[in-house]
């Protein structure tokens, strides 16, 4: 099951206006990937990431060359 099929992902996503959902999905994807790399498990606090998007988080730059993303 992909993260976007998770009931917790969907519950948090429903709180967001349609125009913010792509930013939320991207943040979840990147956060999950990096927790998998660092800790061996793709843990995500979906509600917290939705709160970040509501607070204004958006990816504003390309990844640094040392990034794993």
Protein backbone atom coordinates (compact mmCIF):
# COMPACT_ATOMS: atom_id res chain seq x y z
CA UNK A 1 0.00 0.00 0.00
CA UNK A 2 1.39 3.40 -0.96
CA UNK A 3 1.37 6.23 1.53
CA UNK A 4 -1.40 7.96 -0.43
CA UNK A 5 -3.67 4.98 0.27
CA UNK A 6 -3.18 5.27 4.03
CA UNK A 7 -6.34 6.27 5.90
CA UNK A 8 -4.22 8.64 8.02
CA UNK A 9 -2.81 10.29 4.86
CA UNK A 10 -6.31 10.70 3.45
CA UNK A 11 -7.75 12.10 6.70
CA UNK A 12 -5.02 14.75 6.92
CA UNK A 13 -5.28 15.52 3.20
CA UNK A 14 -9.03 16.18 3.49
CA UNK A 15 -8.25 19.10 5.83
CA UNK A 16 -6.41 20.87 3.01
CA UNK A 17 -7.84 22.94 0.17
CA UNK A 18 -7.39 21.28 -3.23
CA UNK A 19 -4.60 23.66 -4.24
CA UNK A 20 -2.45 22.61 -1.25
CA UNK A 21 -2.79 18.87 -1.72
CA UNK A 22 0.09 18.52 -4.22
CA UNK A 23 2.47 20.29 -1.79
CA UNK A 24 1.29 17.98 0.99
CA UNK A 25 1.80 14.86 -1.13
CA UNK A 26 5.30 16.00 -2.09
CA UNK A 27 6.25 16.75 1.52
CA UNK A 28 4.94 13.34 2.64
CA UNK A 29 6.84 11.61 -0.17
CA UNK A 30 10.13 13.29 0.67
CA UNK A 31 9.76 12.93 4.44
CA UNK A 32 8.84 9.26 4.15
CA UNK A 33 11.78 8.59 1.85
CA UNK A 34 14.26 10.26 4.17
CA UNK A 35 12.96 8.49 7.29
CA UNK A 36 13.30 5.22 5.37
CA UNK A 37 16.93 6.07 4.51
CA UNK A 38 17.86 7.27 8.03
CA UNK A 39 15.83 4.95 10.25
CA UNK A 40 14.82 2.01 8.06
CA UNK A 41 11.13 2.83 8.38
CA UNK A 42 9.10 5.39 6.45
CA UNK A 43 7.31 6.89 9.45
CA UNK A 44 5.19 9.97 8.73
CA UNK A 45 3.17 12.16 11.09
CA UNK A 46 0.56 13.05 8.45
CA UNK A 47 -1.32 15.57 10.58
CA UNK A 48 1.90 17.44 11.41
CA UNK A 49 2.90 17.60 7.74
CA UNK A 50 -0.58 18.87 6.84
CA UNK A 51 -0.15 21.54 9.54
CA UNK A 52 3.18 22.56 7.96
CA UNK A 53 1.55 22.95 4.55
CA UNK A 54 -1.28 24.99 6.07
CA UNK A 55 1.35 27.15 7.80
CA UNK A 56 2.96 27.93 4.44
CA UNK A 57 5.50 25.19 3.75
CA UNK A 58 6.29 24.86 0.06
CA UNK A 59 9.36 23.50 -1.68
CA UNK A 60 11.08 26.63 -2.94
CA UNK A 61 14.42 25.42 -4.21
CA UNK A 62 16.02 22.51 -5.96
CA UNK A 63 17.80 19.98 -3.82
CA UNK A 64 21.40 20.60 -2.80
CA UNK A 65 23.86 18.25 -4.57
CA UNK A 66 24.50 16.42 -1.27
CA UNK A 67 20.79 15.65 -0.84
CA UNK A 68 19.61 12.08 -1.17
CA UNK A 69 16.41 13.24 -2.85
